[in-house]
Amino acid sequence: MPVLASWFYEEWGRGDPANAIERVEQRLRGRMKRDSVPITLVGFMAGQLVASASIKIREMETHPQYEHWLGAVFVEPPYRGQGIGSQIVQYTVSEARRLGVGQLYLYTRSHEAFYTHLGWKPIERPRYQGRPAVIMKLDIIDAL
């Protein structure tokens, strides 16, 4: 838990004064389960925690019509470029299917090509929190 919380805080939370590391840990505790959403999945290599991804509920408050979201996709920097990101995303999609999720959404500011390569389709290009983003969708039935 502390490792994940520090990753997430450093990657996404440091600039937000309302997003203290304790708050990140609290949200993570709510995703530490096996058989329901929200859920956070982790990846190991040689016993070392190297990656994570989450299935969240209503990630973007501006788009409440989209229920299930892929988020918190993170690979430790020394392990990037080895296909681990693709593997954790594909595993998370398979877990979403197991949990009865029909569609997954995500938003990204800079990794559209990565997700397109994995079968995700852009559906909207909103401004979110004052910056451009792309919302992407994956129909789970068609995936894998």
N, C-alpha and C. Protein backbone atom coordinates (compact mmCIF):
# COMPACT_ATOMS: atom_id res chain seq x y z
N MET A 1 0.81 -1.20 0.00
CA MET A 1 0.00 0.00 0.00
C MET A 1 0.86 1.27 0.00
N PRO A 2 1.87 1.37 0.85
CA PRO A 2 2.67 2.60 0.84
C PRO A 2 3.39 2.83 -0.49
N VAL A 3 3.84 1.77 -1.13
CA VAL A 3 4.53 1.92 -2.42
C VAL A 3 3.56 2.46 -3.46
N LEU A 4 2.38 1.85 -3.57
CA LEU A 4 1.38 2.32 -4.53
C LEU A 4 0.99 3.77 -4.24
N ALA A 5 0.74 4.07 -3.00
CA ALA A 5 0.33 5.43 -2.64
C ALA A 5 1.42 6.43 -3.03
N SER A 6 2.68 6.09 -2.81
CA SER A 6 3.74 7.04 -3.17
C SER A 6 3.85 7.18 -4.69
N TRP A 7 3.69 6.08 -5.45
CA TRP A 7 3.68 6.18 -6.91
C TRP A 7 2.60 7.14 -7.36
N PHE A 8 1.37 6.90 -6.90
CA PHE A 8 0.22 7.68 -7.35
C PHE A 8 0.35 9.15 -6.94
N TYR A 9 0.82 9.36 -5.73
CA TYR A 9 0.99 10.73 -5.26
C TYR A 9 2.01 11.47 -6.12
N GLU A 10 3.14 10.84 -6.37
CA GLU A 10 4.18 11.47 -7.17
C GLU A 10 3.74 11.69 -8.61
N GLU A 11 3.03 10.74 -9.18
CA GLU A 11 2.63 10.83 -10.58
C GLU A 11 1.45 11.77 -10.81
N TRP A 12 0.45 11.74 -9.92
CA TRP A 12 -0.79 12.46 -10.20
C TRP A 12 -1.25 13.41 -9.09
N GLY A 13 -0.71 13.31 -7.89
CA GLY A 13 -1.30 14.06 -6.79
C GLY A 13 -0.50 15.19 -6.22
N ARG A 14 0.77 15.27 -6.52
CA ARG A 14 1.64 16.24 -5.87
C ARG A 14 1.18 17.69 -6.06
N GLY A 15 0.68 18.05 -7.21
CA GLY A 15 0.29 19.43 -7.47
C GLY A 15 -1.04 19.85 -6.86
N ASP A 16 -1.77 18.92 -6.27
CA ASP A 16 -3.10 19.21 -5.73
C ASP A 16 -3.05 19.23 -4.21
N PRO A 17 -3.17 20.40 -3.58
CA PRO A 17 -3.08 20.47 -2.12
C PRO A 17 -4.14 19.65 -1.40
N ALA A 18 -5.26 19.36 -2.07
CA ALA A 18 -6.32 18.56 -1.44
C ALA A 18 -6.03 17.06 -1.57
N ASN A 19 -4.93 16.71 -2.20
CA ASN A 19 -4.63 15.30 -2.49
C ASN A 19 -3.43 14.83 -1.68
N ALA A 20 -3.50 14.90 -0.37
CA ALA A 20 -2.42 14.43 0.49
C ALA A 20 -2.21 12.93 0.32
N ILE A 21 -1.01 12.47 0.61
CA ILE A 21 -0.70 11.05 0.44
C ILE A 21 -1.63 10.17 1.28
N GLU A 22 -2.06 10.67 2.42
CA GLU A 22 -3.00 9.91 3.26
C GLU A 22 -4.33 9.70 2.53
N ARG A 23 -4.74 10.70 1.78
CA ARG A 23 -5.98 10.59 1.00
C ARG A 23 -5.83 9.57 -0.12
N VAL A 24 -4.65 9.54 -0.74
CA VAL A 24 -4.37 8.56 -1.77
C VAL A 24 -4.45 7.15 -1.17
N GLU A 25 -3.86 6.96 -0.01
CA GLU A 25 -3.91 5.65 0.66
C GLU A 25 -5.35 5.27 1.00
N GLN A 26 -6.14 6.22 1.44
CA GLN A 26 -7.54 5.94 1.76
C GLN A 26 -8.30 5.45 0.53
N ARG A 27 -8.11 6.12 -0.61
CA ARG A 27 -8.77 5.68 -1.85
C ARG A 27 -8.29 4.29 -2.25
N LEU A 28 -7.01 4.03 -2.10
CA LEU A 28 -6.48 2.71 -2.44
C LEU A 28 -7.08 1.62 -1.56
N ARG A 29 -7.23 1.89 -0.28
CA ARG A 29 -7.83 0.89 0.62
C ARG A 29 -9.22 0.49 0.14
N GLY A 30 -9.95 1.44 -0.44
CA GLY A 30 -11.28 1.16 -0.97
C GLY A 30 -11.26 0.30 -2.23
N ARG A 31 -10.08 0.13 -2.83
CA ARG A 31 -9.95 -0.68 -4.04
C ARG A 31 -9.20 -1.99 -3.81
N MET A 32 -8.92 -2.32 -2.56
CA MET A 32 -8.18 -3.54 -2.26
C MET A 32 -9.16 -4.69 -2.00
N LYS A 33 -9.68 -5.22 -3.09
CA LYS A 33 -10.60 -6.35 -3.01
C LYS A 33 -10.38 -7.22 -4.23
N ARG A 34 -11.05 -8.35 -4.29
CA ARG A 34 -10.83 -9.29 -5.39
C ARG A 34 -12.03 -9.47 -6.31
N ASP A 35 -13.21 -9.24 -5.80
CA ASP A 35 -14.40 -9.64 -6.55
C ASP A 35 -15.42 -8.54 -6.79
N SER A 36 -15.01 -7.29 -6.73
CA SER A 36 -15.94 -6.21 -7.04
C SER A 36 -15.16 -4.96 -7.44
N VAL A 37 -15.88 -4.09 -8.09
CA VAL A 37 -15.33 -2.82 -8.54
C VAL A 37 -15.72 -1.76 -7.52
N PRO A 38 -14.87 -0.81 -7.19
CA PRO A 38 -13.56 -0.53 -7.74
C PRO A 38 -12.50 -1.52 -7.24
N ILE A 39 -11.46 -1.69 -8.05
CA ILE A 39 -10.41 -2.64 -7.73
C ILE A 39 -9.08 -2.15 -8.30
N THR A 40 -8.00 -2.38 -7.58
CA THR A 40 -6.66 -2.09 -8.07
C THR A 40 -5.91 -3.39 -8.21
N LEU A 41 -5.29 -3.57 -9.36
CA LEU A 41 -4.51 -4.77 -9.66
C LEU A 41 -3.04 -4.37 -9.72
N VAL A 42 -2.17 -5.29 -9.35
CA VAL A 42 -0.74 -5.00 -9.35
C VAL A 42 0.01 -6.08 -10.12
N GLY A 43 1.17 -5.69 -10.62
CA GLY A 43 2.02 -6.62 -11.35
C GLY A 43 3.40 -6.71 -10.71
N PHE A 44 3.92 -7.92 -10.67
CA PHE A 44 5.23 -8.16 -10.08
C PHE A 44 6.16 -8.76 -11.13
N MET A 45 7.46 -8.48 -10.96
CA MET A 45 8.48 -9.11 -11.78
C MET A 45 9.60 -9.52 -10.82
N ALA A 46 9.88 -10.81 -10.80
CA ALA A 46 10.90 -11.34 -9.89
C ALA A 46 10.66 -10.89 -8.46
N GLY A 47 9.39 -10.92 -8.03
CA GLY A 47 9.04 -10.57 -6.67
C GLY A 47 9.00 -9.08 -6.38
N GLN A 48 9.27 -8.25 -7.38
CA GLN A 48 9.29 -6.80 -7.22
C GLN A 48 8.01 -6.20 -7.78
N LEU A 49 7.35 -5.35 -7.00
CA LEU A 49 6.17 -4.63 -7.47
C LEU A 49 6.60 -3.66 -8.56
N VAL A 50 6.03 -3.82 -9.77
CA VAL A 50 6.47 -2.99 -10.90
C VAL A 50 5.34 -2.26 -11.61
N ALA A 51 4.08 -2.63 -11.38
CA ALA A 51 3.00 -2.02 -12.16
C ALA A 51 1.68 -2.08 -11.41
N SER A 52 0.76 -1.21 -11.85
CA SER A 52 -0.59 -1.23 -11.30
C SER A 52 -1.57 -0.72 -12.34
N ALA A 53 -2.82 -1.05 -12.14
CA ALA A 53 -3.93 -0.50 -12.91
C ALA A 53 -5.19 -0.69 -12.05
N SER A 54 -6.15 0.19 -12.25
CA SER A 54 -7.39 0.13 -11.47
C SER A 54 -8.60 0.15 -12.38
N ILE A 55 -9.67 -0.44 -11.89
CA ILE A 55 -10.99 -0.25 -12.48
C ILE A 55 -11.73 0.62 -11.48
N LYS A 56 -12.10 1.81 -11.94
CA LYS A 56 -12.73 2.80 -11.08
C LYS A 56 -14.18 3.00 -11.50
N ILE A 57 -14.91 3.69 -10.66
CA ILE A 57 -16.31 4.03 -10.98
C ILE A 57 -16.41 5.54 -11.15
N ARG A 58 -16.94 5.94 -12.30
CA ARG A 58 -17.18 7.35 -12.63
C ARG A 58 -15.97 8.24 -12.33
N GLU A 59 -14.89 7.96 -13.01
CA GLU A 59 -13.62 8.68 -12.86
C GLU A 59 -13.75 10.18 -13.10
N MET A 60 -14.48 10.57 -14.15
CA MET A 60 -14.61 11.99 -14.49
C MET A 60 -15.98 12.49 -14.06
N GLU A 61 -15.98 13.40 -13.10
CA GLU A 61 -17.27 13.93 -12.62
C GLU A 61 -18.03 14.65 -13.73
N THR A 62 -17.34 15.09 -14.77
CA THR A 62 -17.98 15.77 -15.89
C THR A 62 -18.66 14.80 -16.86
N HIS A 63 -18.43 13.51 -16.69
CA HIS A 63 -18.99 12.49 -17.59
C HIS A 63 -19.59 11.33 -16.79
N PRO A 64 -20.61 11.60 -15.97
CA PRO A 64 -21.17 10.55 -15.11
C PRO A 64 -21.87 9.44 -15.88
N GLN A 65 -22.14 9.64 -17.16
CA GLN A 65 -22.79 8.61 -17.96
C GLN A 65 -21.87 7.42 -18.22
N TYR A 66 -20.58 7.59 -18.02
CA TYR A 66 -19.63 6.50 -18.22
C TYR A 66 -19.28 5.90 -16.86
N GLU A 67 -19.67 4.66 -16.66
CA GLU A 67 -19.56 4.09 -15.31
C GLU A 67 -18.18 3.54 -14.95
N HIS A 68 -17.66 2.64 -15.73
CA HIS A 68 -16.42 1.94 -15.37
C HIS A 68 -15.22 2.50 -16.14
N TRP A 69 -14.17 2.81 -15.41
CA TRP A 69 -13.00 3.46 -15.98
C TRP A 69 -11.73 2.69 -15.66
N LEU A 70 -10.86 2.62 -16.63
CA LEU A 70 -9.49 2.16 -16.40
C LEU A 70 -8.71 3.37 -15.92
N GLY A 71 -7.97 3.22 -14.86
CA GLY A 71 -7.16 4.33 -14.35
C GLY A 71 -5.97 3.82 -13.58
N ALA A 72 -5.17 4.75 -13.10
CA ALA A 72 -4.00 4.43 -12.28
C ALA A 72 -3.08 3.43 -12.96
N VAL A 73 -2.98 3.52 -14.28
CA VAL A 73 -2.05 2.65 -15.00
C VAL A 73 -0.66 3.23 -14.79
N PHE A 74 0.18 2.44 -14.15
CA PHE A 74 1.51 2.92 -13.79
C PHE A 74 2.51 1.78 -13.88
N VAL A 75 3.65 2.07 -14.47
CA VAL A 75 4.78 1.14 -14.49
C VAL A 75 5.98 1.89 -13.93
N GLU A 76 6.67 1.27 -12.99
CA GLU A 76 7.88 1.87 -12.43
C GLU A 76 8.84 2.24 -13.56
N PRO A 77 9.40 3.43 -13.53
CA PRO A 77 10.25 3.88 -14.64
C PRO A 77 11.33 2.91 -15.11
N PRO A 78 12.05 2.20 -14.23
CA PRO A 78 13.09 1.30 -14.76
C PRO A 78 12.52 0.12 -15.58
N TYR A 79 11.23 -0.13 -15.45
CA TYR A 79 10.61 -1.28 -16.13
C TYR A 79 9.81 -0.88 -17.36
N ARG A 80 9.80 0.40 -17.69
CA ARG A 80 9.03 0.86 -18.85
C ARG A 80 9.71 0.42 -20.15
N GLY A 81 8.90 0.30 -21.20
CA GLY A 81 9.43 -0.08 -22.50
C GLY A 81 9.64 -1.58 -22.66
N GLN A 82 9.10 -2.38 -21.74
CA GLN A 82 9.27 -3.83 -21.78
C GLN A 82 7.95 -4.57 -22.00
N GLY A 83 6.88 -3.83 -22.29
CA GLY A 83 5.58 -4.45 -22.52
C GLY A 83 4.76 -4.67 -21.26
N ILE A 84 5.27 -4.24 -20.12
CA ILE A 84 4.57 -4.44 -18.86
C ILE A 84 3.28 -3.63 -18.80
N GLY A 85 3.31 -2.41 -19.33
CA GLY A 85 2.10 -1.59 -19.36
C GLY A 85 0.99 -2.26 -20.16
N SER A 86 1.34 -2.80 -21.32
CA SER A 86 0.35 -3.52 -22.13
C SER A 86 -0.20 -4.72 -21.37
N GLN A 87 0.68 -5.44 -20.70
CA GLN A 87 0.25 -6.63 -19.97
C GLN A 87 -0.69 -6.28 -18.83
N ILE A 88 -0.39 -5.23 -18.06
CA ILE A 88 -1.26 -4.89 -16.93
C ILE A 88 -2.60 -4.37 -17.44
N VAL A 89 -2.61 -3.65 -18.56
CA VAL A 89 -3.88 -3.17 -19.12
C VAL A 89 -4.70 -4.37 -19.60
N GLN A 90 -4.08 -5.29 -20.32
CA GLN A 90 -4.81 -6.46 -20.83
C GLN A 90 -5.32 -7.33 -19.68
N TYR A 91 -4.52 -7.49 -18.65
CA TYR A 91 -4.98 -8.26 -17.49
C TYR A 91 -6.16 -7.56 -16.81
N THR A 92 -6.10 -6.25 -16.71
CA THR A 92 -7.19 -5.50 -16.09
C THR A 92 -8.47 -5.62 -16.90
N VAL A 93 -8.34 -5.61 -18.21
CA VAL A 93 -9.51 -5.82 -19.08
C VAL A 93 -10.10 -7.21 -18.85
N SER A 94 -9.25 -8.22 -18.71
CA SER A 94 -9.77 -9.58 -18.47
C SER A 94 -10.46 -9.66 -17.11
N GLU A 95 -9.95 -8.95 -16.12
CA GLU A 95 -10.60 -8.91 -14.81
C GLU A 95 -11.93 -8.15 -14.89
N ALA A 96 -11.98 -7.09 -15.67
CA ALA A 96 -13.24 -6.36 -15.86
C ALA A 96 -14.29 -7.29 -16.45
N ARG A 97 -13.88 -8.07 -17.43
CA ARG A 97 -14.82 -9.04 -18.03
C ARG A 97 -15.29 -10.03 -16.97
N ARG A 98 -14.37 -10.57 -16.17
CA ARG A 98 -14.73 -11.53 -15.11
C ARG A 98 -15.72 -10.91 -14.13
N LEU A 99 -15.60 -9.62 -13.88
CA LEU A 99 -16.46 -8.93 -12.92
C LEU A 99 -17.76 -8.42 -13.55
N GLY A 100 -17.98 -8.73 -14.83
CA GLY A 100 -19.23 -8.38 -15.48
C GLY A 100 -19.30 -6.98 -16.06
N VAL A 101 -18.17 -6.34 -16.23
CA VAL A 101 -18.12 -5.00 -16.82
C VAL A 101 -18.23 -5.14 -18.34
N GLY A 102 -19.13 -4.38 -18.95
CA GLY A 102 -19.34 -4.46 -20.39
C GLY A 102 -18.48 -3.50 -21.20
N GLN A 103 -18.27 -2.30 -20.67
CA GLN A 103 -17.44 -1.30 -21.34
C GLN A 103 -16.52 -0.66 -20.30
N LEU A 104 -15.35 -0.32 -20.76
CA LEU A 104 -14.41 0.45 -19.95
C LEU A 104 -14.11 1.75 -20.67
N TYR A 105 -13.91 2.79 -19.90
CA TYR A 105 -13.52 4.09 -20.43
C TYR A 105 -12.21 4.49 -19.77
N LEU A 106 -11.50 5.39 -20.39
CA LEU A 106 -10.31 5.98 -19.79
C LEU A 106 -10.16 7.38 -20.34
N TYR A 107 -9.39 8.18 -19.64
CA TYR A 107 -9.00 9.44 -20.26
C TYR A 107 -7.49 9.55 -20.15
N THR A 108 -6.93 10.16 -21.17
CA THR A 108 -5.49 10.36 -21.20
C THR A 108 -5.20 11.71 -21.82
N ARG A 109 -4.08 12.24 -21.47
CA ARG A 109 -3.62 13.48 -22.08
C ARG A 109 -2.48 13.23 -23.06
N SER A 110 -1.78 12.10 -22.90
CA SER A 110 -0.57 11.92 -23.69
C SER A 110 -0.30 10.50 -24.17
N HIS A 111 -1.20 9.56 -23.91
CA HIS A 111 -0.93 8.16 -24.28
C HIS A 111 -1.97 7.56 -25.20
N GLU A 112 -2.59 8.39 -26.02
CA GLU A 112 -3.63 7.90 -26.92
C GLU A 112 -3.11 6.79 -27.83
N ALA A 113 -1.92 6.93 -28.40
CA ALA A 113 -1.38 5.91 -29.32
C ALA A 113 -1.19 4.58 -28.62
N PHE A 114 -0.73 4.60 -27.38
CA PHE A 114 -0.55 3.37 -26.60
C PHE A 114 -1.87 2.61 -26.47
N TYR A 115 -2.93 3.32 -26.08
CA TYR A 115 -4.22 2.66 -25.89
C TYR A 115 -4.87 2.28 -27.21
N THR A 116 -4.69 3.08 -28.25
CA THR A 116 -5.22 2.73 -29.57
C THR A 116 -4.61 1.40 -30.02
N HIS A 117 -3.34 1.22 -29.79
CA HIS A 117 -2.65 -0.03 -30.14
C HIS A 117 -3.27 -1.23 -29.42
N LEU A 118 -3.85 -0.99 -28.25
CA LEU A 118 -4.48 -2.06 -27.47
C LEU A 118 -5.97 -2.22 -27.78
N GLY A 119 -6.47 -1.49 -28.77
CA GLY A 119 -7.86 -1.66 -29.20
C GLY A 119 -8.85 -0.63 -28.70
N TRP A 120 -8.40 0.34 -27.92
CA TRP A 120 -9.27 1.40 -27.41
C TRP A 120 -9.59 2.38 -28.53
N LYS A 121 -10.80 2.97 -28.47
CA LYS A 121 -11.26 3.92 -29.48
C LYS A 121 -11.53 5.28 -28.82
N PRO A 122 -11.00 6.36 -29.42
CA PRO A 122 -11.34 7.69 -28.89
C PRO A 122 -12.80 8.00 -29.16
N ILE A 123 -13.48 8.57 -28.15
CA ILE A 123 -14.90 8.90 -28.34
C ILE A 123 -15.21 10.38 -28.07
N GLU A 124 -14.34 11.06 -27.32
CA GLU A 124 -14.53 12.48 -27.04
C GLU A 124 -13.18 13.13 -26.80
N ARG A 125 -13.13 14.43 -27.05
CA ARG A 125 -11.91 15.20 -26.80
C ARG A 125 -12.27 16.46 -25.98
N PRO A 126 -12.61 16.27 -24.71
CA PRO A 126 -13.00 17.42 -23.89
C PRO A 126 -11.79 18.14 -23.30
N ARG A 127 -12.06 19.31 -22.75
CA ARG A 127 -11.09 19.93 -21.85
C ARG A 127 -11.48 19.43 -20.46
N TYR A 128 -10.52 18.93 -19.73
CA TYR A 128 -10.79 18.41 -18.40
C TYR A 128 -9.78 19.02 -17.45
N GLN A 129 -10.29 19.62 -16.39
CA GLN A 129 -9.46 20.32 -15.42
C GLN A 129 -8.57 21.35 -16.12
N GLY A 130 -9.17 22.01 -17.13
CA GLY A 130 -8.50 23.09 -17.82
C GLY A 130 -7.50 22.68 -18.88
N ARG A 131 -7.40 21.38 -19.17
CA ARG A 131 -6.42 20.92 -20.16
C ARG A 131 -7.07 19.94 -21.12
N PRO A 132 -6.56 19.86 -22.35
CA PRO A 132 -7.12 18.91 -23.31
C PRO A 132 -6.91 17.46 -22.87
N ALA A 133 -7.90 16.64 -23.17
CA ALA A 133 -7.83 15.20 -22.86
C ALA A 133 -8.56 14.45 -23.96
N VAL A 134 -8.37 13.16 -23.99
CA VAL A 134 -9.15 12.31 -24.88
C VAL A 134 -9.79 11.22 -24.02
N ILE A 135 -11.09 11.00 -24.22
CA ILE A 135 -11.79 9.90 -23.56
C ILE A 135 -11.82 8.76 -24.57
N MET A 136 -11.44 7.57 -24.09
CA MET A 136 -11.41 6.39 -24.95
C MET A 136 -12.31 5.32 -24.36
N LYS A 137 -12.77 4.42 -25.23
CA LYS A 137 -13.69 3.36 -24.82
C LYS A 137 -13.20 2.02 -25.36
N LEU A 138 -13.45 0.98 -24.58
CA LEU A 138 -13.19 -0.38 -25.01
C LEU A 138 -14.41 -1.22 -24.67
N ASP A 139 -15.00 -1.85 -25.69
CA ASP A 139 -16.08 -2.78 -25.44
C ASP A 139 -15.45 -4.10 -25.02
N ILE A 140 -15.72 -4.53 -23.81
CA ILE A 140 -15.07 -5.70 -23.24
C ILE A 140 -15.40 -6.96 -24.04
N ILE A 141 -16.60 -7.05 -24.53
CA ILE A 141 -17.00 -8.23 -25.30
C ILE A 141 -16.12 -8.41 -26.52
N ASP A 142 -15.72 -7.29 -27.15
CA ASP A 142 -14.88 -7.33 -28.34
C ASP A 142 -13.41 -7.49 -28.02
N ALA A 143 -13.03 -7.21 -26.76
CA ALA A 143 -11.61 -7.22 -26.39
C ALA A 143 -11.11 -8.63 -26.12
N LEU A 144 -9.84 -8.78 -26.18
CA LEU A 144 -9.11 -10.02 -25.89
C LEU A 144 -9.32 -11.03 -26.92
